[in-house]
ModelCIF file with pLDDT and N, C-alpha, C, O atoms, coordinates in Angstrom:
data_MODEL
#
_entry.id   MODEL 
#
_entity.id                         1 
_entity.type                       polymer 
_entity.pdbx_number_of_molecules   1 
#
_entity_poly.entity_id                      1 
_entity_poly.type                           'polypeptide(L)' 
_entity_poly.nstd_linkage                   no 
_entity_poly.nstd_monomer                   no 
_entity_poly.pdbx_seq_one_letter_code       AGSYAERVPVIAITGAPTQSVEQAGKYVHHSLGEGRFDSYQKMFE 
_entity_poly.pdbx_seq_one_letter_code_can   AGSYAERVPVIAITGAPTQSVEQAGKYVHHSLGEGRFDSYQKMFE 
_entity_poly.pdbx_strand_id                 A 
#
loop_
_entity_poly_seq.entity_id 
_entity_poly_seq.num 
_entity_poly_seq.mon_id 
_entity_poly_seq.hetero 
1 1  ALA n 
1 2  GLY n 
1 3  SER n 
1 4  TYR n 
1 5  ALA n 
1 6  GLU n 
1 7  ARG n 
1 8  VAL n 
1 9  PRO n 
1 10 VAL n 
1 11 ILE n 
1 12 ALA n 
1 13 ILE n 
1 14 THR n 
1 15 GLY n 
1 16 ALA n 
1 17 PRO n 
1 18 THR n 
1 19 GLN n 
1 20 SER n 
1 21 VAL n 
1 22 GLU n 
1 23 GLN n 
1 24 ALA n 
1 25 GLY n 
1 26 LYS n 
1 27 TYR n 
1 28 VAL n 
1 29 HIS n 
1 30 HIS n 
1 31 SER n 
1 32 LEU n 
1 33 GLY n 
1 34 GLU n 
1 35 GLY n 
1 36 ARG n 
1 37 PHE n 
1 38 ASP n 
1 39 SER n 
1 40 TYR n 
1 41 GLN n 
1 42 LYS n 
1 43 MET n 
1 44 PHE n 
1 45 GLU n 
#
_struct_asym.id          A 
_struct_asym.entity_id   1 
#
loop_
_ma_qa_metric.id 
_ma_qa_metric.mode 
_ma_qa_metric.name 
_ma_qa_metric.software_group_id 
_ma_qa_metric.type 
1 global pLDDT . pLDDT 
2 local  pLDDT . pLDDT 
#
_ma_qa_metric_global.metric_id      1 
_ma_qa_metric_global.metric_value   85.09 
_ma_qa_metric_global.model_id       1 
_ma_qa_metric_global.ordinal_id     1 
#
loop_
_ma_qa_metric_local.label_asym_id 
_ma_qa_metric_local.label_comp_id 
_ma_qa_metric_local.label_seq_id 
_ma_qa_metric_local.metric_id 
_ma_qa_metric_local.metric_value 
_ma_qa_metric_local.model_id 
_ma_qa_metric_local.ordinal_id 
A ALA 1  2 98.00 1 1  
A GLY 2  2 97.00 1 2  
A SER 3  2 97.00 1 3  
A TYR 4  2 97.00 1 4  
A ALA 5  2 95.00 1 5  
A GLU 6  2 94.00 1 6  
A ARG 7  2 96.00 1 7  
A VAL 8  2 97.00 1 8  
A PRO 9  2 98.00 1 9  
A VAL 10 2 98.00 1 10 
A ILE 11 2 98.00 1 11 
A ALA 12 2 98.00 1 12 
A ILE 13 2 98.00 1 13 
A THR 14 2 96.00 1 14 
A GLY 15 2 94.00 1 15 
A ALA 16 2 90.00 1 16 
A PRO 17 2 84.00 1 17 
A THR 18 2 80.00 1 18 
A GLN 19 2 82.00 1 19 
A SER 20 2 79.00 1 20 
A VAL 21 2 73.00 1 21 
A GLU 22 2 76.00 1 22 
A GLN 23 2 79.00 1 23 
A ALA 24 2 68.00 1 24 
A GLY 25 2 71.00 1 25 
A LYS 26 2 69.00 1 26 
A TYR 27 2 70.00 1 27 
A VAL 28 2 74.00 1 28 
A HIS 29 2 72.00 1 29 
A HIS 30 2 75.00 1 30 
A SER 31 2 67.00 1 31 
A LEU 32 2 72.00 1 32 
A GLY 33 2 72.00 1 33 
A GLU 34 2 76.00 1 34 
A GLY 35 2 69.00 1 35 
A ARG 36 2 78.00 1 36 
A PHE 37 2 72.00 1 37 
A ASP 38 2 85.00 1 38 
A SER 39 2 85.00 1 39 
A TYR 40 2 88.00 1 40 
A GLN 41 2 92.00 1 41 
A LYS 42 2 94.00 1 42 
A MET 43 2 94.00 1 43 
A PHE 44 2 96.00 1 44 
A GLU 45 2 96.00 1 45 
#
loop_
_atom_site.group_PDB 
_atom_site.id 
_atom_site.type_symbol 
_atom_site.label_atom_id 
_atom_site.label_alt_id 
_atom_site.label_comp_id 
_atom_site.label_asym_id 
_atom_site.label_entity_id 
_atom_site.label_seq_id 
_atom_site.pdbx_PDB_ins_code 
_atom_site.Cartn_x 
_atom_site.Cartn_y 
_atom_site.Cartn_z 
_atom_site.occupancy 
_atom_site.B_iso_or_equiv 
_atom_site.pdbx_formal_charge 
_atom_site.auth_seq_id 
_atom_site.auth_comp_id 
_atom_site.auth_asym_id 
_atom_site.auth_atom_id 
_atom_site.pdbx_PDB_model_num 
ATOM 1   N N  . ALA A 1 1  ? 59.220 16.151 20.818 1.00 98.00 ? 1  ALA A N  1 
ATOM 2   C CA . ALA A 1 1  ? 60.565 16.244 20.889 1.00 98.00 ? 1  ALA A CA 1 
ATOM 3   C C  . ALA A 1 1  ? 61.387 17.831 20.960 1.00 98.00 ? 1  ALA A C  1 
ATOM 4   O O  . ALA A 1 1  ? 62.127 18.439 21.733 1.00 98.00 ? 1  ALA A O  1 
ATOM 5   N N  . GLY A 1 2  ? 60.825 18.005 19.827 1.00 97.00 ? 2  GLY A N  1 
ATOM 6   C CA . GLY A 1 2  ? 61.449 19.651 19.512 1.00 97.00 ? 2  GLY A CA 1 
ATOM 7   C C  . GLY A 1 2  ? 61.409 20.581 20.156 1.00 97.00 ? 2  GLY A C  1 
ATOM 8   O O  . GLY A 1 2  ? 62.203 21.502 19.970 1.00 97.00 ? 2  GLY A O  1 
ATOM 9   N N  . SER A 1 3  ? 60.198 20.625 21.382 1.00 97.00 ? 3  SER A N  1 
ATOM 10  C CA . SER A 1 3  ? 60.238 21.468 22.139 1.00 97.00 ? 3  SER A CA 1 
ATOM 11  C C  . SER A 1 3  ? 61.443 21.155 23.406 1.00 97.00 ? 3  SER A C  1 
ATOM 12  O O  . SER A 1 3  ? 62.037 22.071 23.974 1.00 97.00 ? 3  SER A O  1 
ATOM 13  N N  . TYR A 1 4  ? 61.670 19.628 23.723 1.00 97.00 ? 4  TYR A N  1 
ATOM 14  C CA . TYR A 1 4  ? 62.579 19.587 24.307 1.00 97.00 ? 4  TYR A CA 1 
ATOM 15  C C  . TYR A 1 4  ? 63.890 19.898 24.187 1.00 97.00 ? 4  TYR A C  1 
ATOM 16  O O  . TYR A 1 4  ? 64.514 20.258 25.186 1.00 97.00 ? 4  TYR A O  1 
ATOM 17  N N  . ALA A 1 5  ? 64.664 19.778 22.608 1.00 95.00 ? 5  ALA A N  1 
ATOM 18  C CA . ALA A 1 5  ? 65.714 19.993 22.235 1.00 95.00 ? 5  ALA A CA 1 
ATOM 19  C C  . ALA A 1 5  ? 65.741 21.793 22.263 1.00 95.00 ? 5  ALA A C  1 
ATOM 20  O O  . ALA A 1 5  ? 66.855 22.290 22.428 1.00 95.00 ? 5  ALA A O  1 
ATOM 21  N N  . GLU A 1 6  ? 64.733 22.602 22.131 1.00 94.00 ? 6  GLU A N  1 
ATOM 22  C CA . GLU A 1 6  ? 64.708 23.846 21.888 1.00 94.00 ? 6  GLU A CA 1 
ATOM 23  C C  . GLU A 1 6  ? 64.385 24.644 23.513 1.00 94.00 ? 6  GLU A C  1 
ATOM 24  O O  . GLU A 1 6  ? 64.701 25.824 23.666 1.00 94.00 ? 6  GLU A O  1 
ATOM 25  N N  . ARG A 1 7  ? 63.926 24.080 24.308 1.00 96.00 ? 7  ARG A N  1 
ATOM 26  C CA . ARG A 1 7  ? 63.866 24.170 25.547 1.00 96.00 ? 7  ARG A CA 1 
ATOM 27  C C  . ARG A 1 7  ? 62.385 25.172 25.925 1.00 96.00 ? 7  ARG A C  1 
ATOM 28  O O  . ARG A 1 7  ? 62.425 26.113 26.717 1.00 96.00 ? 7  ARG A O  1 
ATOM 29  N N  . VAL A 1 8  ? 61.342 24.812 25.308 1.00 97.00 ? 8  VAL A N  1 
ATOM 30  C CA . VAL A 1 8  ? 60.020 25.076 25.581 1.00 97.00 ? 8  VAL A CA 1 
ATOM 31  C C  . VAL A 1 8  ? 59.281 24.373 26.145 1.00 97.00 ? 8  VAL A C  1 
ATOM 32  O O  . VAL A 1 8  ? 59.267 23.177 25.855 1.00 97.00 ? 8  VAL A O  1 
ATOM 33  N N  . PRO A 1 9  ? 58.239 25.004 27.349 1.00 98.00 ? 9  PRO A N  1 
ATOM 34  C CA . PRO A 1 9  ? 57.897 24.064 28.123 1.00 98.00 ? 9  PRO A CA 1 
ATOM 35  C C  . PRO A 1 9  ? 56.140 23.937 27.755 1.00 98.00 ? 9  PRO A C  1 
ATOM 36  O O  . PRO A 1 9  ? 55.366 24.893 27.801 1.00 98.00 ? 9  PRO A O  1 
ATOM 37  N N  . VAL A 1 10 ? 55.767 22.526 27.391 1.00 98.00 ? 10 VAL A N  1 
ATOM 38  C CA . VAL A 1 10 ? 54.670 22.246 26.974 1.00 98.00 ? 10 VAL A CA 1 
ATOM 39  C C  . VAL A 1 10 ? 54.107 21.107 28.031 1.00 98.00 ? 10 VAL A C  1 
ATOM 40  O O  . VAL A 1 10 ? 54.971 20.322 28.420 1.00 98.00 ? 10 VAL A O  1 
ATOM 41  N N  . ILE A 1 11 ? 53.127 20.966 28.410 1.00 98.00 ? 11 ILE A N  1 
ATOM 42  C CA . ILE A 1 11 ? 52.280 19.910 29.215 1.00 98.00 ? 11 ILE A CA 1 
ATOM 43  C C  . ILE A 1 11 ? 51.562 19.477 28.413 1.00 98.00 ? 11 ILE A C  1 
ATOM 44  O O  . ILE A 1 11 ? 50.696 20.119 27.819 1.00 98.00 ? 11 ILE A O  1 
ATOM 45  N N  . ALA A 1 12 ? 52.019 17.416 28.174 1.00 98.00 ? 12 ALA A N  1 
ATOM 46  C CA . ALA A 1 12 ? 51.617 17.271 27.257 1.00 98.00 ? 12 ALA A CA 1 
ATOM 47  C C  . ALA A 1 12 ? 50.832 15.939 27.844 1.00 98.00 ? 12 ALA A C  1 
ATOM 48  O O  . ALA A 1 12 ? 51.341 14.924 28.319 1.00 98.00 ? 12 ALA A O  1 
ATOM 49  N N  . ILE A 1 13 ? 49.465 16.251 27.668 1.00 98.00 ? 13 ILE A N  1 
ATOM 50  C CA . ILE A 1 13 ? 48.889 15.302 28.895 1.00 98.00 ? 13 ILE A CA 1 
ATOM 51  C C  . ILE A 1 13 ? 47.894 14.351 28.030 1.00 98.00 ? 13 ILE A C  1 
ATOM 52  O O  . ILE A 1 13 ? 47.154 14.778 27.143 1.00 98.00 ? 13 ILE A O  1 
ATOM 53  N N  . THR A 1 14 ? 47.985 13.143 28.389 1.00 96.00 ? 14 THR A N  1 
ATOM 54  C CA . THR A 1 14 ? 47.318 11.834 27.375 1.00 96.00 ? 14 THR A CA 1 
ATOM 55  C C  . THR A 1 14 ? 46.277 11.658 28.254 1.00 96.00 ? 14 THR A C  1 
ATOM 56  O O  . THR A 1 14 ? 46.491 11.537 29.460 1.00 96.00 ? 14 THR A O  1 
ATOM 57  N N  . GLY A 1 15 ? 44.813 11.622 27.627 1.00 94.00 ? 15 GLY A N  1 
ATOM 58  C CA . GLY A 1 15 ? 43.727 10.970 28.096 1.00 94.00 ? 15 GLY A CA 1 
ATOM 59  C C  . GLY A 1 15 ? 44.201 9.095  28.146 1.00 94.00 ? 15 GLY A C  1 
ATOM 60  O O  . GLY A 1 15 ? 44.530 8.616  27.061 1.00 94.00 ? 15 GLY A O  1 
ATOM 61  N N  . ALA A 1 16 ? 44.207 8.364  29.111 1.00 90.00 ? 16 ALA A N  1 
ATOM 62  C CA . ALA A 1 16 ? 44.592 7.417  29.095 1.00 90.00 ? 16 ALA A CA 1 
ATOM 63  C C  . ALA A 1 16 ? 43.207 6.217  29.532 1.00 90.00 ? 16 ALA A C  1 
ATOM 64  O O  . ALA A 1 16 ? 42.085 6.678  29.742 1.00 90.00 ? 16 ALA A O  1 
ATOM 65  N N  . PRO A 1 17 ? 43.450 4.788  29.621 1.00 84.00 ? 17 PRO A N  1 
ATOM 66  C CA . PRO A 1 17 ? 42.229 3.855  29.657 1.00 84.00 ? 17 PRO A CA 1 
ATOM 67  C C  . PRO A 1 17 ? 42.468 3.915  31.326 1.00 84.00 ? 17 PRO A C  1 
ATOM 68  O O  . PRO A 1 17 ? 43.485 4.133  31.985 1.00 84.00 ? 17 PRO A O  1 
ATOM 69  N N  . THR A 1 18 ? 41.231 3.657  31.670 1.00 80.00 ? 18 THR A N  1 
ATOM 70  C CA . THR A 1 18 ? 40.856 3.016  33.228 1.00 80.00 ? 18 THR A CA 1 
ATOM 71  C C  . THR A 1 18 ? 42.009 2.482  33.969 1.00 80.00 ? 18 THR A C  1 
ATOM 72  O O  . THR A 1 18 ? 42.907 1.764  33.528 1.00 80.00 ? 18 THR A O  1 
ATOM 73  N N  . GLN A 1 19 ? 41.808 3.072  35.498 1.00 82.00 ? 19 GLN A N  1 
ATOM 74  C CA . GLN A 1 19 ? 43.133 2.227  36.171 1.00 82.00 ? 19 GLN A CA 1 
ATOM 75  C C  . GLN A 1 19 ? 42.807 0.693  35.867 1.00 82.00 ? 19 GLN A C  1 
ATOM 76  O O  . GLN A 1 19 ? 43.623 -0.139 35.469 1.00 82.00 ? 19 GLN A O  1 
ATOM 77  N N  . SER A 1 20 ? 41.530 0.496  36.118 1.00 79.00 ? 20 SER A N  1 
ATOM 78  C CA . SER A 1 20 ? 41.070 -1.094 36.396 1.00 79.00 ? 20 SER A CA 1 
ATOM 79  C C  . SER A 1 20 ? 41.389 -1.847 34.785 1.00 79.00 ? 20 SER A C  1 
ATOM 80  O O  . SER A 1 20 ? 41.456 -3.076 34.802 1.00 79.00 ? 20 SER A O  1 
ATOM 81  N N  . VAL A 1 21 ? 41.565 -1.202 33.539 1.00 73.00 ? 21 VAL A N  1 
ATOM 82  C CA . VAL A 1 21 ? 41.817 -1.758 32.692 1.00 73.00 ? 21 VAL A CA 1 
ATOM 83  C C  . VAL A 1 21 ? 43.375 -1.872 32.560 1.00 73.00 ? 21 VAL A C  1 
ATOM 84  O O  . VAL A 1 21 ? 43.736 -2.829 31.875 1.00 73.00 ? 21 VAL A O  1 
ATOM 85  N N  . GLU A 1 22 ? 44.200 -1.218 32.993 1.00 76.00 ? 22 GLU A N  1 
ATOM 86  C CA . GLU A 1 22 ? 45.485 -1.139 32.908 1.00 76.00 ? 22 GLU A CA 1 
ATOM 87  C C  . GLU A 1 22 ? 45.733 -1.852 33.969 1.00 76.00 ? 22 GLU A C  1 
ATOM 88  O O  . GLU A 1 22 ? 46.469 -2.768 33.605 1.00 76.00 ? 22 GLU A O  1 
ATOM 89  N N  . GLN A 1 23 ? 45.530 -1.926 35.026 1.00 79.00 ? 23 GLN A N  1 
ATOM 90  C CA . GLN A 1 23 ? 45.589 -3.106 36.034 1.00 79.00 ? 23 GLN A CA 1 
ATOM 91  C C  . GLN A 1 23 ? 45.538 -4.852 35.531 1.00 79.00 ? 23 GLN A C  1 
ATOM 92  O O  . GLN A 1 23 ? 46.328 -5.730 35.878 1.00 79.00 ? 23 GLN A O  1 
ATOM 93  N N  . ALA A 1 24 ? 44.610 -4.954 34.822 1.00 68.00 ? 24 ALA A N  1 
ATOM 94  C CA . ALA A 1 24 ? 44.162 -5.842 34.531 1.00 68.00 ? 24 ALA A CA 1 
ATOM 95  C C  . ALA A 1 24 ? 45.026 -6.381 33.171 1.00 68.00 ? 24 ALA A C  1 
ATOM 96  O O  . ALA A 1 24 ? 44.900 -7.515 32.711 1.00 68.00 ? 24 ALA A O  1 
ATOM 97  N N  . GLY A 1 25 ? 45.889 -5.384 32.646 1.00 71.00 ? 25 GLY A N  1 
ATOM 98  C CA . GLY A 1 25 ? 46.067 -5.667 31.382 1.00 71.00 ? 25 GLY A CA 1 
ATOM 99  C C  . GLY A 1 25 ? 45.456 -6.413 29.977 1.00 71.00 ? 25 GLY A C  1 
ATOM 100 O O  . GLY A 1 25 ? 45.888 -7.248 29.181 1.00 71.00 ? 25 GLY A O  1 
ATOM 101 N N  . LYS A 1 26 ? 44.158 -5.600 30.139 1.00 69.00 ? 26 LYS A N  1 
ATOM 102 C CA . LYS A 1 26 ? 43.349 -5.862 29.302 1.00 69.00 ? 26 LYS A CA 1 
ATOM 103 C C  . LYS A 1 26 ? 44.136 -5.563 27.836 1.00 69.00 ? 26 LYS A C  1 
ATOM 104 O O  . LYS A 1 26 ? 45.001 -4.717 27.610 1.00 69.00 ? 26 LYS A O  1 
ATOM 105 N N  . TYR A 1 27 ? 43.453 -6.684 26.798 1.00 70.00 ? 27 TYR A N  1 
ATOM 106 C CA . TYR A 1 27 ? 43.436 -5.843 25.420 1.00 70.00 ? 27 TYR A CA 1 
ATOM 107 C C  . TYR A 1 27 ? 42.172 -4.881 24.730 1.00 70.00 ? 27 TYR A C  1 
ATOM 108 O O  . TYR A 1 27 ? 41.019 -5.105 24.359 1.00 70.00 ? 27 TYR A O  1 
ATOM 109 N N  . VAL A 1 28 ? 43.021 -3.761 24.779 1.00 74.00 ? 28 VAL A N  1 
ATOM 110 C CA . VAL A 1 28 ? 42.297 -2.765 24.468 1.00 74.00 ? 28 VAL A CA 1 
ATOM 111 C C  . VAL A 1 28 ? 42.873 -2.132 22.830 1.00 74.00 ? 28 VAL A C  1 
ATOM 112 O O  . VAL A 1 28 ? 43.936 -2.528 22.354 1.00 74.00 ? 28 VAL A O  1 
ATOM 113 N N  . HIS A 1 29 ? 42.185 -1.348 22.279 1.00 72.00 ? 29 HIS A N  1 
ATOM 114 C CA . HIS A 1 29 ? 42.589 -0.629 21.116 1.00 72.00 ? 29 HIS A CA 1 
ATOM 115 C C  . HIS A 1 29 ? 43.648 0.846  21.850 1.00 72.00 ? 29 HIS A C  1 
ATOM 116 O O  . HIS A 1 29 ? 43.650 1.476  22.907 1.00 72.00 ? 29 HIS A O  1 
ATOM 117 N N  . HIS A 1 30 ? 44.223 0.856  20.918 1.00 75.00 ? 30 HIS A N  1 
ATOM 118 C CA . HIS A 1 30 ? 45.304 1.914  21.173 1.00 75.00 ? 30 HIS A CA 1 
ATOM 119 C C  . HIS A 1 30 ? 46.455 1.501  21.687 1.00 75.00 ? 30 HIS A C  1 
ATOM 120 O O  . HIS A 1 30 ? 47.496 2.129  21.494 1.00 75.00 ? 30 HIS A O  1 
ATOM 121 N N  . SER A 1 31 ? 46.395 0.278  22.476 1.00 67.00 ? 31 SER A N  1 
ATOM 122 C CA . SER A 1 31 ? 47.368 0.266  23.138 1.00 67.00 ? 31 SER A CA 1 
ATOM 123 C C  . SER A 1 31 ? 48.476 -1.620 21.774 1.00 67.00 ? 31 SER A C  1 
ATOM 124 O O  . SER A 1 31 ? 48.251 -2.178 20.700 1.00 67.00 ? 31 SER A O  1 
ATOM 125 N N  . LEU A 1 32 ? 49.273 -1.696 22.631 1.00 72.00 ? 32 LEU A N  1 
ATOM 126 C CA . LEU A 1 32 ? 49.922 -2.668 21.493 1.00 72.00 ? 32 LEU A CA 1 
ATOM 127 C C  . LEU A 1 32 ? 50.029 -3.907 21.610 1.00 72.00 ? 32 LEU A C  1 
ATOM 128 O O  . LEU A 1 32 ? 50.954 -4.578 21.152 1.00 72.00 ? 32 LEU A O  1 
ATOM 129 N N  . GLY A 1 33 ? 48.639 -4.502 22.536 1.00 72.00 ? 33 GLY A N  1 
ATOM 130 C CA . GLY A 1 33 ? 48.071 -5.445 22.217 1.00 72.00 ? 33 GLY A CA 1 
ATOM 131 C C  . GLY A 1 33 ? 49.049 -6.724 23.453 1.00 72.00 ? 33 GLY A C  1 
ATOM 132 O O  . GLY A 1 33 ? 49.285 -7.833 22.975 1.00 72.00 ? 33 GLY A O  1 
ATOM 133 N N  . GLU A 1 34 ? 49.369 -6.532 24.444 1.00 76.00 ? 34 GLU A N  1 
ATOM 134 C CA . GLU A 1 34 ? 50.640 -7.060 24.742 1.00 76.00 ? 34 GLU A CA 1 
ATOM 135 C C  . GLU A 1 34 ? 50.277 -6.714 26.602 1.00 76.00 ? 34 GLU A C  1 
ATOM 136 O O  . GLU A 1 34 ? 51.052 -6.782 27.557 1.00 76.00 ? 34 GLU A O  1 
ATOM 137 N N  . GLY A 1 35 ? 48.928 -6.374 26.563 1.00 69.00 ? 35 GLY A N  1 
ATOM 138 C CA . GLY A 1 35 ? 48.912 -6.207 28.452 1.00 69.00 ? 35 GLY A CA 1 
ATOM 139 C C  . GLY A 1 35 ? 49.643 -5.689 29.016 1.00 69.00 ? 35 GLY A C  1 
ATOM 140 O O  . GLY A 1 35 ? 49.750 -5.850 30.231 1.00 69.00 ? 35 GLY A O  1 
ATOM 141 N N  . ARG A 1 36 ? 50.812 -4.450 27.945 1.00 78.00 ? 36 ARG A N  1 
ATOM 142 C CA . ARG A 1 36 ? 51.639 -3.492 29.205 1.00 78.00 ? 36 ARG A CA 1 
ATOM 143 C C  . ARG A 1 36 ? 51.071 -2.432 28.246 1.00 78.00 ? 36 ARG A C  1 
ATOM 144 O O  . ARG A 1 36 ? 50.802 -2.505 27.047 1.00 78.00 ? 36 ARG A O  1 
ATOM 145 N N  . PHE A 1 37 ? 50.939 -1.100 29.418 1.00 72.00 ? 37 PHE A N  1 
ATOM 146 C CA . PHE A 1 37 ? 50.500 0.447  29.177 1.00 72.00 ? 37 PHE A CA 1 
ATOM 147 C C  . PHE A 1 37 ? 51.233 1.435  29.386 1.00 72.00 ? 37 PHE A C  1 
ATOM 148 O O  . PHE A 1 37 ? 50.911 2.613  29.237 1.00 72.00 ? 37 PHE A O  1 
ATOM 149 N N  . ASP A 1 38 ? 52.507 0.918  29.830 1.00 85.00 ? 38 ASP A N  1 
ATOM 150 C CA . ASP A 1 38 ? 53.464 1.837  30.402 1.00 85.00 ? 38 ASP A CA 1 
ATOM 151 C C  . ASP A 1 38 ? 54.837 2.432  28.902 1.00 85.00 ? 38 ASP A C  1 
ATOM 152 O O  . ASP A 1 38 ? 55.816 3.176  28.938 1.00 85.00 ? 38 ASP A O  1 
ATOM 153 N N  . SER A 1 39 ? 54.256 1.711  27.918 1.00 85.00 ? 39 SER A N  1 
ATOM 154 C CA . SER A 1 39 ? 55.599 1.392  26.803 1.00 85.00 ? 39 SER A CA 1 
ATOM 155 C C  . SER A 1 39 ? 55.618 3.158  26.256 1.00 85.00 ? 39 SER A C  1 
ATOM 156 O O  . SER A 1 39 ? 56.610 3.882  26.169 1.00 85.00 ? 39 SER A O  1 
ATOM 157 N N  . TYR A 1 40 ? 54.354 3.462  25.984 1.00 88.00 ? 40 TYR A N  1 
ATOM 158 C CA . TYR A 1 40 ? 54.755 5.076  25.532 1.00 88.00 ? 40 TYR A CA 1 
ATOM 159 C C  . TYR A 1 40 ? 55.000 5.836  26.656 1.00 88.00 ? 40 TYR A C  1 
ATOM 160 O O  . TYR A 1 40 ? 56.064 6.448  26.563 1.00 88.00 ? 40 TYR A O  1 
ATOM 161 N N  . GLN A 1 41 ? 54.460 5.999  27.581 1.00 92.00 ? 41 GLN A N  1 
ATOM 162 C CA . GLN A 1 41 ? 55.044 6.383  28.843 1.00 92.00 ? 41 GLN A CA 1 
ATOM 163 C C  . GLN A 1 41 ? 56.645 6.751  28.784 1.00 92.00 ? 41 GLN A C  1 
ATOM 164 O O  . GLN A 1 41 ? 57.270 7.811  28.748 1.00 92.00 ? 41 GLN A O  1 
ATOM 165 N N  . LYS A 1 42 ? 57.028 5.273  28.795 1.00 94.00 ? 42 LYS A N  1 
ATOM 166 C CA . LYS A 1 42 ? 58.580 5.413  28.463 1.00 94.00 ? 42 LYS A CA 1 
ATOM 167 C C  . LYS A 1 42 ? 59.187 5.892  27.658 1.00 94.00 ? 42 LYS A C  1 
ATOM 168 O O  . LYS A 1 42 ? 60.364 6.238  27.764 1.00 94.00 ? 42 LYS A O  1 
ATOM 169 N N  . MET A 1 43 ? 58.448 6.004  26.645 1.00 94.00 ? 43 MET A N  1 
ATOM 170 C CA . MET A 1 43 ? 58.894 6.918  25.283 1.00 94.00 ? 43 MET A CA 1 
ATOM 171 C C  . MET A 1 43 ? 59.272 7.982  25.705 1.00 94.00 ? 43 MET A C  1 
ATOM 172 O O  . MET A 1 43 ? 60.421 8.342  25.450 1.00 94.00 ? 43 MET A O  1 
ATOM 173 N N  . PHE A 1 44 ? 58.321 8.874  26.550 1.00 96.00 ? 44 PHE A N  1 
ATOM 174 C CA . PHE A 1 44 ? 58.182 10.069 26.720 1.00 96.00 ? 44 PHE A CA 1 
ATOM 175 C C  . PHE A 1 44 ? 59.204 10.424 27.780 1.00 96.00 ? 44 PHE A C  1 
ATOM 176 O O  . PHE A 1 44 ? 59.475 11.597 28.036 1.00 96.00 ? 44 PHE A O  1 
ATOM 177 N N  . GLU A 1 45 ? 59.747 9.432  28.370 1.00 96.00 ? 45 GLU A N  1 
ATOM 178 C CA . GLU A 1 45 ? 61.135 9.566  29.208 1.00 96.00 ? 45 GLU A CA 1 
ATOM 179 C C  . GLU A 1 45 ? 62.009 10.252 28.628 1.00 96.00 ? 45 GLU A C  1 
ATOM 180 O O  . GLU A 1 45 ? 63.106 10.429 29.158 1.00 96.00 ? 45 GLU A O  1 
#
């Protein structure tokens, strides 16, 4: 957020669960336990 405010180009790369896990909405660690995997992506928007 600080880089955004001060116009600093940083590429933030997130290593994520597999596509099959996300598409199946499985309950995995680091998720919110609700079967959704785009919540954090929406925060970064």
